[in-house]
Amino acid sequence: MRLSARVDYALRAVIELASGGDGPVTSERIARAQEIPPKFCESILLQLRRGGIVFAQRGPEGGYWLARPAEQISLVEVVEVIDGPLGSPRAAQADVPLGAAQALQQVWTAVEESERAILTQVTIAHVIAGVLPEPVAVRLPLAAS
């Protein structure tokens, strides 16, 4: 699975907001803390606001904050707000493998469904805590435990 730099930055910005304490956090602070180019960060935060992930307030006391608790925001929500719905590009291909390779189509579909399941189960709170849900954690190599 490949995620765009925009999605990576958006996830980092949301995580920064979730761990930033009480009150609004400025885009400058988020950009600095996560080493996101400032204009890019502002653009991403605007997209996240439009997608209902964050709230924004203008002015000297302004900034951004999460629209919901971190426990209620899954990674897939952020990905889809930024890059659109996770599709199934391989499963939708008209060029379906033939003969002995036909089962590849099922493999690609299973991979894509696994990606979606993981991104749906993991919340921003899981990432901050560094503790993944059990169905995701069991997929990790033993060395990562």
N, C-alpha and C. Protein backbone atom coordinates (compact mmCIF):
# COMPACT_ATOMS: atom_id res chain seq x y z
N MET A 1 0.84 -1.18 0.00
CA MET A 1 0.00 0.00 0.00
C MET A 1 0.88 1.24 0.00
N ARG A 2 0.54 2.16 -0.84
CA ARG A 2 1.25 3.43 -0.90
C ARG A 2 0.30 4.53 -0.46
N LEU A 3 0.77 5.34 0.48
CA LEU A 3 0.01 6.50 0.91
C LEU A 3 0.74 7.74 0.44
N SER A 4 -0.01 8.73 0.05
CA SER A 4 0.60 9.97 -0.42
C SER A 4 1.26 10.72 0.74
N ALA A 5 2.17 11.61 0.40
CA ALA A 5 2.80 12.46 1.42
C ALA A 5 1.73 13.29 2.11
N ARG A 6 0.71 13.66 1.38
CA ARG A 6 -0.39 14.45 1.93
C ARG A 6 -1.10 13.68 3.05
N VAL A 7 -1.34 12.39 2.83
CA VAL A 7 -1.98 11.55 3.85
C VAL A 7 -1.06 11.39 5.05
N ASP A 8 0.22 11.16 4.81
CA ASP A 8 1.18 11.03 5.90
C ASP A 8 1.18 12.30 6.75
N TYR A 9 1.26 13.45 6.11
CA TYR A 9 1.24 14.72 6.84
C TYR A 9 -0.08 14.92 7.58
N ALA A 10 -1.19 14.55 6.95
CA ALA A 10 -2.50 14.71 7.59
C ALA A 10 -2.59 13.85 8.85
N LEU A 11 -2.14 12.62 8.76
CA LEU A 11 -2.16 11.73 9.93
C LEU A 11 -1.27 12.30 11.04
N ARG A 12 -0.10 12.78 10.67
CA ARG A 12 0.80 13.37 11.67
C ARG A 12 0.19 14.62 12.30
N ALA A 13 -0.50 15.43 11.49
CA ALA A 13 -1.13 16.64 12.02
C ALA A 13 -2.25 16.28 13.00
N VAL A 14 -3.06 15.30 12.66
CA VAL A 14 -4.15 14.87 13.54
C VAL A 14 -3.59 14.28 14.83
N ILE A 15 -2.54 13.50 14.73
CA ILE A 15 -1.90 12.93 15.92
C ILE A 15 -1.33 14.05 16.79
N GLU A 16 -0.73 15.03 16.17
CA GLU A 16 -0.20 16.18 16.92
C GLU A 16 -1.32 16.92 17.65
N LEU A 17 -2.44 17.12 16.98
CA LEU A 17 -3.60 17.76 17.62
C LEU A 17 -4.10 16.94 18.79
N ALA A 18 -4.16 15.64 18.60
CA ALA A 18 -4.68 14.76 19.65
C ALA A 18 -3.77 14.73 20.87
N SER A 19 -2.49 14.93 20.66
CA SER A 19 -1.56 14.87 21.78
C SER A 19 -1.16 16.26 22.26
N GLY A 20 -1.78 17.29 21.67
CA GLY A 20 -1.39 18.67 21.95
C GLY A 20 -1.97 19.29 23.20
N GLY A 21 -2.80 18.58 23.91
CA GLY A 21 -3.37 19.15 25.13
C GLY A 21 -4.67 19.88 24.86
N ASP A 22 -5.03 20.75 25.79
CA ASP A 22 -6.31 21.47 25.69
C ASP A 22 -6.16 22.73 24.84
N GLY A 23 -7.26 23.11 24.23
CA GLY A 23 -7.30 24.34 23.48
C GLY A 23 -6.81 24.20 22.05
N PRO A 24 -7.10 25.22 21.27
CA PRO A 24 -6.70 25.22 19.86
C PRO A 24 -5.18 25.21 19.69
N VAL A 25 -4.73 24.56 18.63
CA VAL A 25 -3.31 24.49 18.29
C VAL A 25 -3.14 25.15 16.93
N THR A 26 -2.16 26.03 16.81
CA THR A 26 -1.96 26.73 15.55
C THR A 26 -1.35 25.81 14.50
N SER A 27 -1.61 26.14 13.25
CA SER A 27 -1.02 25.36 12.16
C SER A 27 0.50 25.49 12.18
N GLU A 28 1.00 26.66 12.60
CA GLU A 28 2.45 26.85 12.68
C GLU A 28 3.07 25.89 13.69
N ARG A 29 2.41 25.72 14.82
CA ARG A 29 2.93 24.80 15.85
C ARG A 29 2.92 23.35 15.34
N ILE A 30 1.84 22.98 14.67
CA ILE A 30 1.74 21.62 14.12
C ILE A 30 2.83 21.41 13.07
N ALA A 31 2.98 22.38 12.17
CA ALA A 31 3.98 22.28 11.10
C ALA A 31 5.38 22.15 11.69
N ARG A 32 5.68 22.94 12.68
CA ARG A 32 7.00 22.92 13.32
C ARG A 32 7.24 21.58 14.03
N ALA A 33 6.25 21.14 14.80
CA ALA A 33 6.40 19.91 15.58
C ALA A 33 6.56 18.68 14.69
N GLN A 34 5.89 18.67 13.56
CA GLN A 34 5.92 17.49 12.69
C GLN A 34 6.75 17.68 11.42
N GLU A 35 7.43 18.83 11.34
CA GLU A 35 8.26 19.14 10.17
C GLU A 35 7.49 19.02 8.86
N ILE A 36 6.33 19.66 8.86
CA ILE A 36 5.48 19.72 7.67
C ILE A 36 5.65 21.13 7.09
N PRO A 37 5.85 21.27 5.79
CA PRO A 37 5.93 22.62 5.22
C PRO A 37 4.68 23.43 5.63
N PRO A 38 4.87 24.64 6.18
CA PRO A 38 3.75 25.41 6.74
C PRO A 38 2.55 25.61 5.82
N LYS A 39 2.78 25.98 4.57
CA LYS A 39 1.65 26.20 3.64
C LYS A 39 0.93 24.89 3.36
N PHE A 40 1.69 23.82 3.25
CA PHE A 40 1.13 22.49 3.03
C PHE A 40 0.28 22.08 4.22
N CYS A 41 0.80 22.36 5.42
CA CYS A 41 0.08 22.03 6.65
C CYS A 41 -1.26 22.77 6.71
N GLU A 42 -1.24 24.04 6.39
CA GLU A 42 -2.46 24.84 6.40
C GLU A 42 -3.49 24.28 5.41
N SER A 43 -3.02 23.90 4.24
CA SER A 43 -3.90 23.33 3.21
C SER A 43 -4.51 22.00 3.68
N ILE A 44 -3.70 21.17 4.31
CA ILE A 44 -4.17 19.88 4.82
C ILE A 44 -5.19 20.08 5.94
N LEU A 45 -4.91 21.02 6.84
CA LEU A 45 -5.84 21.30 7.94
C LEU A 45 -7.18 21.80 7.42
N LEU A 46 -7.15 22.60 6.37
CA LEU A 46 -8.40 23.07 5.75
C LEU A 46 -9.19 21.89 5.20
N GLN A 47 -8.51 20.97 4.56
CA GLN A 47 -9.16 19.76 4.03
C GLN A 47 -9.73 18.92 5.17
N LEU A 48 -8.99 18.79 6.25
CA LEU A 48 -9.46 18.02 7.41
C LEU A 48 -10.67 18.71 8.06
N ARG A 49 -10.68 20.04 8.05
CA ARG A 49 -11.83 20.77 8.59
C ARG A 49 -13.06 20.51 7.72
N ARG A 50 -12.89 20.62 6.43
CA ARG A 50 -14.01 20.36 5.51
C ARG A 50 -14.51 18.92 5.63
N GLY A 51 -13.62 18.00 5.97
CA GLY A 51 -13.98 16.59 6.12
C GLY A 51 -14.53 16.23 7.49
N GLY A 52 -14.62 17.21 8.38
CA GLY A 52 -15.21 16.96 9.70
C GLY A 52 -14.28 16.30 10.70
N ILE A 53 -12.99 16.30 10.43
CA ILE A 53 -12.03 15.70 11.36
C ILE A 53 -11.58 16.71 12.41
N VAL A 54 -11.44 17.97 12.00
CA VAL A 54 -11.01 19.02 12.93
C VAL A 54 -11.96 20.20 12.86
N PHE A 55 -11.93 20.99 13.93
CA PHE A 55 -12.61 22.28 13.98
C PHE A 55 -11.53 23.35 13.91
N ALA A 56 -11.93 24.54 13.49
CA ALA A 56 -10.98 25.65 13.41
C ALA A 56 -11.62 26.91 13.98
N GLN A 57 -10.76 27.75 14.52
CA GLN A 57 -11.20 29.05 15.04
C GLN A 57 -10.15 30.07 14.62
N ARG A 58 -10.60 31.18 14.06
CA ARG A 58 -9.68 32.24 13.66
C ARG A 58 -9.40 33.17 14.83
N GLY A 59 -8.38 34.00 14.65
CA GLY A 59 -8.09 35.02 15.64
C GLY A 59 -6.90 34.68 16.50
N PRO A 60 -6.57 35.61 17.42
CA PRO A 60 -5.38 35.45 18.25
C PRO A 60 -5.44 34.21 19.16
N GLU A 61 -6.62 33.81 19.54
CA GLU A 61 -6.79 32.61 20.37
C GLU A 61 -7.19 31.41 19.52
N GLY A 62 -7.02 31.55 18.22
CA GLY A 62 -7.49 30.53 17.30
C GLY A 62 -6.53 29.38 17.09
N GLY A 63 -6.97 28.50 16.25
CA GLY A 63 -6.19 27.32 15.92
C GLY A 63 -7.12 26.17 15.55
N TYR A 64 -6.61 24.98 15.68
CA TYR A 64 -7.35 23.77 15.30
C TYR A 64 -7.43 22.83 16.49
N TRP A 65 -8.49 22.03 16.51
CA TRP A 65 -8.65 20.97 17.49
C TRP A 65 -9.50 19.88 16.88
N LEU A 66 -9.44 18.69 17.46
CA LEU A 66 -10.19 17.56 16.91
C LEU A 66 -11.68 17.76 17.06
N ALA A 67 -12.42 17.36 16.06
CA ALA A 67 -13.88 17.46 16.08
C ALA A 67 -14.50 16.38 16.95
N ARG A 68 -13.76 15.29 17.18
CA ARG A 68 -14.21 14.19 18.02
C ARG A 68 -13.03 13.68 18.83
N PRO A 69 -13.29 12.90 19.86
CA PRO A 69 -12.18 12.31 20.61
C PRO A 69 -11.32 11.42 19.69
N ALA A 70 -10.04 11.35 20.00
CA ALA A 70 -9.10 10.55 19.20
C ALA A 70 -9.52 9.09 19.10
N GLU A 71 -10.24 8.59 20.11
CA GLU A 71 -10.71 7.21 20.10
C GLU A 71 -11.77 6.97 19.03
N GLN A 72 -12.36 8.05 18.54
CA GLN A 72 -13.44 7.93 17.56
C GLN A 72 -13.01 8.29 16.14
N ILE A 73 -11.72 8.51 15.93
CA ILE A 73 -11.22 8.85 14.60
C ILE A 73 -10.30 7.74 14.13
N SER A 74 -10.74 7.01 13.12
CA SER A 74 -9.92 5.92 12.58
C SER A 74 -8.96 6.47 11.52
N LEU A 75 -7.91 5.73 11.28
CA LEU A 75 -6.95 6.14 10.27
C LEU A 75 -7.60 6.19 8.89
N VAL A 76 -8.52 5.27 8.63
CA VAL A 76 -9.15 5.24 7.30
C VAL A 76 -9.95 6.53 7.04
N GLU A 77 -10.53 7.12 8.09
CA GLU A 77 -11.27 8.37 7.91
C GLU A 77 -10.35 9.48 7.41
N VAL A 78 -9.20 9.59 8.02
CA VAL A 78 -8.25 10.63 7.62
C VAL A 78 -7.77 10.37 6.20
N VAL A 79 -7.41 9.13 5.91
CA VAL A 79 -6.96 8.77 4.57
C VAL A 79 -8.01 9.15 3.53
N GLU A 80 -9.26 8.81 3.80
CA GLU A 80 -10.32 9.06 2.81
C GLU A 80 -10.67 10.54 2.69
N VAL A 81 -10.54 11.31 3.75
CA VAL A 81 -10.78 12.76 3.66
C VAL A 81 -9.73 13.38 2.75
N ILE A 82 -8.52 12.91 2.85
CA ILE A 82 -7.42 13.50 2.08
C ILE A 82 -7.35 12.97 0.65
N ASP A 83 -7.41 11.67 0.48
CA ASP A 83 -7.20 11.06 -0.84
C ASP A 83 -8.46 10.48 -1.48
N GLY A 84 -9.59 10.59 -0.81
CA GLY A 84 -10.81 10.01 -1.35
C GLY A 84 -10.97 8.57 -0.90
N PRO A 85 -12.09 7.98 -1.25
CA PRO A 85 -12.39 6.61 -0.78
C PRO A 85 -11.32 5.61 -1.20
N LEU A 86 -11.00 4.73 -0.25
CA LEU A 86 -10.10 3.63 -0.60
C LEU A 86 -10.85 2.76 -1.58
N GLY A 87 -10.30 2.65 -2.73
CA GLY A 87 -10.96 1.86 -3.74
C GLY A 87 -10.35 0.48 -3.81
N SER A 88 -10.66 -0.17 -4.85
CA SER A 88 -10.10 -1.48 -5.09
C SER A 88 -9.59 -1.48 -6.53
N PRO A 89 -8.50 -0.73 -6.78
CA PRO A 89 -8.05 -0.58 -8.16
C PRO A 89 -7.71 -1.90 -8.84
N ARG A 90 -7.09 -2.81 -8.11
CA ARG A 90 -6.75 -4.09 -8.73
C ARG A 90 -7.99 -4.94 -8.96
N ALA A 91 -8.89 -4.93 -7.99
CA ALA A 91 -10.09 -5.75 -8.11
C ALA A 91 -11.00 -5.23 -9.23
N ALA A 92 -10.90 -3.96 -9.54
CA ALA A 92 -11.78 -3.37 -10.56
C ALA A 92 -11.17 -3.44 -11.96
N GLN A 93 -9.94 -3.91 -12.07
CA GLN A 93 -9.29 -3.95 -13.37
C GLN A 93 -10.05 -4.83 -14.36
N ALA A 94 -10.11 -4.36 -15.57
CA ALA A 94 -10.75 -5.14 -16.62
C ALA A 94 -9.80 -6.24 -17.10
N ASP A 95 -8.50 -6.04 -16.88
CA ASP A 95 -7.48 -6.98 -17.33
C ASP A 95 -7.29 -8.06 -16.27
N VAL A 96 -8.25 -8.96 -16.16
CA VAL A 96 -8.24 -10.02 -15.15
C VAL A 96 -7.26 -11.11 -15.59
N PRO A 97 -6.41 -11.58 -14.66
CA PRO A 97 -5.48 -12.66 -15.01
C PRO A 97 -6.24 -13.89 -15.52
N LEU A 98 -5.63 -14.59 -16.43
CA LEU A 98 -6.26 -15.76 -17.03
C LEU A 98 -5.54 -17.04 -16.63
N GLY A 99 -6.22 -18.14 -16.82
CA GLY A 99 -5.63 -19.46 -16.61
C GLY A 99 -5.13 -19.65 -15.19
N ALA A 100 -3.90 -20.15 -15.07
CA ALA A 100 -3.33 -20.47 -13.76
C ALA A 100 -3.17 -19.23 -12.89
N ALA A 101 -3.10 -18.05 -13.47
CA ALA A 101 -2.91 -16.80 -12.70
C ALA A 101 -4.23 -16.18 -12.24
N GLN A 102 -5.34 -16.81 -12.57
CA GLN A 102 -6.66 -16.25 -12.26
C GLN A 102 -6.86 -15.98 -10.77
N ALA A 103 -6.29 -16.80 -9.92
CA ALA A 103 -6.46 -16.62 -8.47
C ALA A 103 -5.77 -15.35 -7.95
N LEU A 104 -4.89 -14.76 -8.76
CA LEU A 104 -4.26 -13.51 -8.35
C LEU A 104 -5.30 -12.44 -8.03
N GLN A 105 -6.36 -12.43 -8.78
CA GLN A 105 -7.43 -11.44 -8.55
C GLN A 105 -7.95 -11.55 -7.11
N GLN A 106 -8.13 -12.76 -6.63
CA GLN A 106 -8.59 -12.97 -5.26
C GLN A 106 -7.54 -12.52 -4.26
N VAL A 107 -6.28 -12.74 -4.56
CA VAL A 107 -5.19 -12.31 -3.68
C VAL A 107 -5.22 -10.79 -3.55
N TRP A 108 -5.33 -10.06 -4.68
CA TRP A 108 -5.35 -8.59 -4.64
C TRP A 108 -6.55 -8.09 -3.85
N THR A 109 -7.67 -8.71 -4.03
CA THR A 109 -8.87 -8.30 -3.29
C THR A 109 -8.68 -8.53 -1.80
N ALA A 110 -8.09 -9.66 -1.42
CA ALA A 110 -7.84 -9.95 -0.01
C ALA A 110 -6.86 -8.95 0.60
N VAL A 111 -5.82 -8.60 -0.14
CA VAL A 111 -4.84 -7.61 0.34
C VAL A 111 -5.53 -6.27 0.58
N GLU A 112 -6.33 -5.83 -0.36
CA GLU A 112 -7.02 -4.55 -0.24
C GLU A 112 -8.01 -4.55 0.92
N GLU A 113 -8.70 -5.67 1.12
CA GLU A 113 -9.64 -5.76 2.25
C GLU A 113 -8.88 -5.76 3.58
N SER A 114 -7.72 -6.39 3.63
CA SER A 114 -6.91 -6.38 4.84
C SER A 114 -6.43 -4.98 5.17
N GLU A 115 -6.00 -4.24 4.15
CA GLU A 115 -5.57 -2.85 4.37
C GLU A 115 -6.72 -2.04 4.96
N ARG A 116 -7.89 -2.16 4.36
CA ARG A 116 -9.05 -1.41 4.84
C ARG A 116 -9.38 -1.79 6.28
N ALA A 117 -9.36 -3.09 6.58
CA ALA A 117 -9.69 -3.55 7.93
C ALA A 117 -8.73 -2.97 8.96
N ILE A 118 -7.45 -2.98 8.64
CA ILE A 118 -6.46 -2.44 9.58
C ILE A 118 -6.67 -0.94 9.77
N LEU A 119 -6.79 -0.20 8.69
CA LEU A 119 -6.97 1.25 8.80
C LEU A 119 -8.28 1.63 9.48
N THR A 120 -9.27 0.77 9.41
CA THR A 120 -10.55 1.03 10.07
C THR A 120 -10.46 0.75 11.56
N GLN A 121 -9.73 -0.28 11.94
CA GLN A 121 -9.64 -0.67 13.35
C GLN A 121 -8.72 0.23 14.18
N VAL A 122 -7.70 0.78 13.55
CA VAL A 122 -6.73 1.59 14.29
C VAL A 122 -7.22 3.04 14.35
N THR A 123 -7.26 3.56 15.57
CA THR A 123 -7.67 4.95 15.78
C THR A 123 -6.45 5.81 16.08
N ILE A 124 -6.67 7.10 16.06
CA ILE A 124 -5.62 8.05 16.41
C ILE A 124 -5.16 7.78 17.85
N ALA A 125 -6.09 7.44 18.73
CA ALA A 125 -5.74 7.15 20.13
C ALA A 125 -4.82 5.93 20.23
N HIS A 126 -5.04 4.91 19.39
CA HIS A 126 -4.16 3.74 19.39
C HIS A 126 -2.73 4.15 19.04
N VAL A 127 -2.61 4.99 18.03
CA VAL A 127 -1.28 5.41 17.58
C VAL A 127 -0.57 6.19 18.69
N ILE A 128 -1.29 7.10 19.31
CA ILE A 128 -0.69 7.91 20.38
C ILE A 128 -0.25 7.02 21.55
N ALA A 129 -1.09 6.06 21.89
CA ALA A 129 -0.76 5.16 23.01
C ALA A 129 0.33 4.16 22.63
N GLY A 130 0.53 3.94 21.34
CA GLY A 130 1.51 2.96 20.90
C GLY A 130 1.05 1.53 21.14
N VAL A 131 -0.26 1.37 21.29
CA VAL A 131 -0.84 0.05 21.53
C VAL A 131 -1.92 -0.18 20.47
N LEU A 132 -1.65 -1.14 19.60
CA LEU A 132 -2.59 -1.42 18.52
C LEU A 132 -3.66 -2.39 18.99
N PRO A 133 -4.85 -2.33 18.36
CA PRO A 133 -5.89 -3.31 18.71
C PRO A 133 -5.38 -4.72 18.43
N GLU A 134 -5.85 -5.67 19.21
CA GLU A 134 -5.37 -7.05 19.13
C GLU A 134 -5.42 -7.63 17.70
N PRO A 135 -6.53 -7.44 16.95
CA PRO A 135 -6.55 -8.03 15.60
C PRO A 135 -5.47 -7.47 14.68
N VAL A 136 -4.99 -6.27 14.98
CA VAL A 136 -3.91 -5.68 14.18
C VAL A 136 -2.56 -6.10 14.75
N ALA A 137 -2.44 -6.07 16.05
CA ALA A 137 -1.17 -6.41 16.71
C ALA A 137 -0.72 -7.83 16.39
N VAL A 138 -1.64 -8.76 16.24
CA VAL A 138 -1.26 -10.15 15.96
C VAL A 138 -0.64 -10.30 14.57
N ARG A 139 -0.82 -9.32 13.73
CA ARG A 139 -0.24 -9.37 12.39
C ARG A 139 1.22 -8.93 12.37
N LEU A 140 1.69 -8.34 13.45
CA LEU A 140 3.06 -7.84 13.50
C LEU A 140 4.06 -8.98 13.65
N PRO A 141 5.23 -8.82 13.09
CA PRO A 141 6.27 -9.84 13.31
C PRO A 141 6.61 -9.89 14.80
N LEU A 142 7.06 -11.02 15.27
CA LEU A 142 7.39 -11.19 16.68
C LEU A 142 8.42 -10.18 17.15
N ALA A 143 9.34 -9.78 16.29
CA ALA A 143 10.38 -8.83 16.66
C ALA A 143 9.79 -7.49 17.07
N ALA A 144 8.61 -7.14 16.55
CA ALA A 144 7.99 -5.86 16.86
C ALA A 144 7.26 -5.87 18.19
N SER A 145 7.05 -7.03 18.79
CA SER A 145 6.31 -7.12 20.04
C SER A 145 7.08 -6.65 21.23
